[in-house]
C-alpha atoms as a PDB file:
ATOM      1  CA  MET A   1       0.000   0.000   0.000  1.00  0.00           C
ATOM      2  CA  SER A   2       1.546   3.317  -1.001  1.00  0.00           C
ATOM      3  CA  GLN A   3       1.215   6.414   1.091  1.00  0.00           C
ATOM      4  CA  GLN A   4       0.739   9.733  -0.603  1.00  0.00           C
ATOM      5  CA  ALA A   5       1.382  13.062   1.040  1.00  0.00           C
ATOM      6  CA  THR A   6      -1.688  15.217   1.051  1.00  0.00           C
ATOM      7  CA  GLU A   7      -1.602  18.934   1.471  1.00  0.00           C
ATOM      8  CA  ILE A   8      -4.497  20.809   2.946  1.00  0.00           C
ATOM      9  CA  GLU A   9      -4.766  24.515   2.344  1.00  0.00           C
ATOM     10  CA  VAL A  10      -6.899  26.456   4.776  1.00  0.00           C
ATOM     11  CA  GLU A  11      -7.677  30.080   5.409  1.00  0.00           C
ATOM     12  CA  VAL A  12      -8.091  31.279   8.974  1.00  0.00           C
ATOM     13  CA  VAL A  13     -10.984  33.670   9.115  1.00  0.00           C
ATOM     14  CA  GLU A  14     -11.216  34.353  12.825  1.00  0.00           C
ATOM     15  CA  ILE A  15      -9.712  33.057  16.070  1.00  0.00           C
ATOM     16  CA  ASP A  16     -11.390  34.013  19.356  1.00  0.00           C
ATOM     17  CA  GLY A  17     -13.142  36.938  17.739  1.00  0.00           C
ATOM     18  CA  VAL A  18      -9.927  38.442  16.315  1.00  0.00           C
ATOM     19  CA  ALA A  19      -9.055  38.345  12.635  1.00  0.00           C
ATOM     20  CA  PRO A  20      -5.424  37.378  11.858  1.00  0.00           C
ATOM     21  CA  ALA A  21      -3.074  39.828  10.184  1.00  0.00           C
ATOM     22  CA  VAL A  22      -3.117  39.632   6.412  1.00  0.00           C
ATOM     23  CA  LYS A  23       0.215  38.816   4.801  1.00  0.00           C
ATOM     24  CA  GLN A  24       1.097  40.890   1.768  1.00  0.00           C
ATOM     25  CA  SER A  25       3.191  38.997  -0.735  1.00  0.00           C
ATOM     26  CA  GLN A  26       5.459  40.792  -3.181  1.00  0.00           C
ATOM     27  CA  ALA A  27       6.059  38.542  -6.144  1.00  0.00           C
ATOM     28  CA  GLY A  28       8.243  41.083  -7.951  1.00  0.00           C
ATOM     29  CA  GLU A  29      11.195  41.307  -5.526  1.00  0.00           C
ATOM     30  CA  PRO A  30      12.204  38.097  -3.731  1.00  0.00           C
ATOM     31  CA  ALA A  31      15.075  39.891  -1.943  1.00  0.00           C
ATOM     32  CA  GLN A  32      12.525  42.006  -0.086  1.00  0.00           C
ATOM     33  CA  GLN A  33      10.681  38.941   1.185  1.00  0.00           C
ATOM     34  CA  ARG A  34      12.212  38.117   4.549  1.00  0.00           C
ATOM     35  CA  GLY A  35      10.780  36.429   7.597  1.00  0.00           C
ATOM     36  CA  ASP A  36      10.031  38.424  10.727  1.00  0.00           C
ATOM     37  CA  TRP A  37      12.821  36.581  12.548  1.00  0.00           C
ATOM     38  CA  GLN A  38      15.376  38.187  10.234  1.00  0.00           C
ATOM     39  CA  ASP A  39      14.332  41.716  11.102  1.00  0.00           C
ATOM     40  CA  TRP A  40      16.775  42.416  13.937  1.00  0.00           C
ATOM     41  CA  ARG A  41      15.338  45.858  14.571  1.00  0.00           C
ATOM     42  CA  LYS A  42      12.306  44.281  16.256  1.00  0.00           C
ATOM     43  CA  TRP A  43      14.578  42.481  18.735  1.00  0.00           C
ATOM     44  CA  GLN A  44      15.652  45.635  20.561  1.00  0.00           C
ATOM     45  CA  GLY A  45      13.282  45.172  23.510  1.00  0.00           C
ATOM     46  CA  ARG A  46      13.516  41.376  23.537  1.00  0.00           C
ATOM     47  CA  ILE A  47      17.288  41.210  23.993  1.00  0.00           C
ATOM     48  CA  ARG A  48      17.272  43.099  27.291  1.00  0.00           C
ATOM     49  CA  LYS A  49      14.479  41.037  28.858  1.00  0.00           C
ATOM     50  CA  LEU A  50      14.546  37.302  29.587  1.00  0.00           C
ATOM     51  CA  ASP A  51      11.387  35.369  28.874  1.00  0.00           C
ATOM     52  CA  SER A  52       9.816  34.311  32.162  1.00  0.00           C
ATOM     53  CA  ARG A  53       8.839  30.910  30.774  1.00  0.00           C
ATOM     54  CA  TRP A  54      12.506  29.861  30.727  1.00  0.00           C
ATOM     55  CA  TRP A  55      13.306  30.550  34.413  1.00  0.00           C
ATOM     56  CA  PRO A  56      13.669  26.832  35.325  1.00  0.00           C
ATOM     57  CA  LEU A  57      16.332  26.463  32.644  1.00  0.00           C
ATOM     58  CA  TRP A  58      18.194  29.565  33.839  1.00  0.00           C
ATOM     59  CA  VAL A  59      18.069  28.345  37.468  1.00  0.00           C
ATOM     60  CA  PHE A  60      19.373  24.929  36.428  1.00  0.00           C
ATOM     61  CA  LEU A  61      22.178  26.460  34.347  1.00  0.00           C
ATOM     62  CA  GLY A  62      23.001  28.862  37.179  1.00  0.00           C
ATOM     63  CA  VAL A  63      23.311  26.001  39.667  1.00  0.00           C
ATOM     64  CA  ILE A  64      25.598  24.156  37.243  1.00  0.00           C
ATOM     65  CA  ALA A  65      27.718  27.307  36.728  1.00  0.00           C
ATOM     66  CA  VAL A  66      28.062  27.875  40.485  1.00  0.00           C
ATOM     67  CA  ALA A  67      28.979  24.213  41.024  1.00  0.00           C
ATOM     68  CA  LEU A  68      31.626  24.400  38.282  1.00  0.00           C
ATOM     69  CA  ALA A  69      33.051  27.631  39.712  1.00  0.00           C
ATOM     70  CA  LEU A  70      33.235  26.151  43.214  1.00  0.00           C
ATOM     71  CA  THR A  71      34.853  22.976  41.875  1.00  0.00           C
ATOM     72  CA  ALA A  72      37.423  24.958  39.899  1.00  0.00           C
ATOM     73  CA  GLY A  73      38.178  27.101  42.960  1.00  0.00           C
ATOM     74  CA  PHE A  74      38.556  24.019  45.135  1.00  0.00           C
ATOM     75  CA  VAL A  75      40.940  22.382  42.632  1.00  0.00           C
ATOM     76  CA  ILE A  76      43.025  25.553  42.357  1.00  0.00           C
ATOM     77  CA  GLY A  77      43.124  25.815  46.163  1.00  0.00           C
ATOM     78  CA  VAL A  78      44.261  22.190  46.548  1.00  0.00           C
ATOM     79  CA  ILE A  79      46.966  22.655  43.902  1.00  0.00           C
ATOM     80  CA  PHE A  80      48.151  25.835  45.659  1.00  0.00           C
ATOM     81  CA  LEU A  81      48.184  24.081  49.039  1.00  0.00           C
ATOM     82  CA  ILE A  82      50.137  21.080  47.694  1.00  0.00           C
ATOM     83  CA  SER A  83      52.671  23.368  46.003  1.00  0.00           C
ATOM     84  CA  ARG A  84      53.185  25.335  49.256  1.00  0.00           C
ATOM     85  CA  VAL A  85      53.677  22.126  51.271  1.00  0.00           C
ATOM     86  CA  LEU A  86      56.150  20.775  48.701  1.00  0.00           C
ATOM     87  CA  ALA A  87      58.032  24.088  48.594  1.00  0.00           C
ATOM     88  CA  ASN A  88      58.315  24.160  52.402  1.00  0.00           C
ATOM     89  CA  LEU A  89      59.404  20.490  52.449  1.00  0.00           C
ATOM     90  CA  ILE A  90      62.118  21.116  49.832  1.00  0.00           C
ATOM     91  CA  ARG A  91      63.239  24.252  51.666  1.00  0.00           C
ATOM     92  CA  ALA A  92      63.478  22.287  54.943  1.00  0.00           C
ATOM     93  CA  VAL A  93      65.487  19.477  53.350  1.00  0.00           C
ATOM     94  CA  LEU A  94      67.950  21.829  51.647  1.00  0.00           C
ATOM     95  CA  ARG A  95      68.755  23.792  54.846  1.00  0.00           C
END
């Protein structure tokens, strides 16, 4: 049995009492046809504000970042402590 892809074309007339915005297509100049995501000028207010729906992700990433920073600090502290002990041991032996 072969499966054929079917395409359904629909027109949204109204959703919750509000008519959707009408897209104007310009067939003459394809370079002028760009998606809204490419228009960086609309992003000015969005860049400065984090979306509140993503706060669990930011908390999780923040906890991971703090854990990595504490681990790196602990490793650097242990290396510093070992080097100081070895330096004092070598200094004591050479006296």
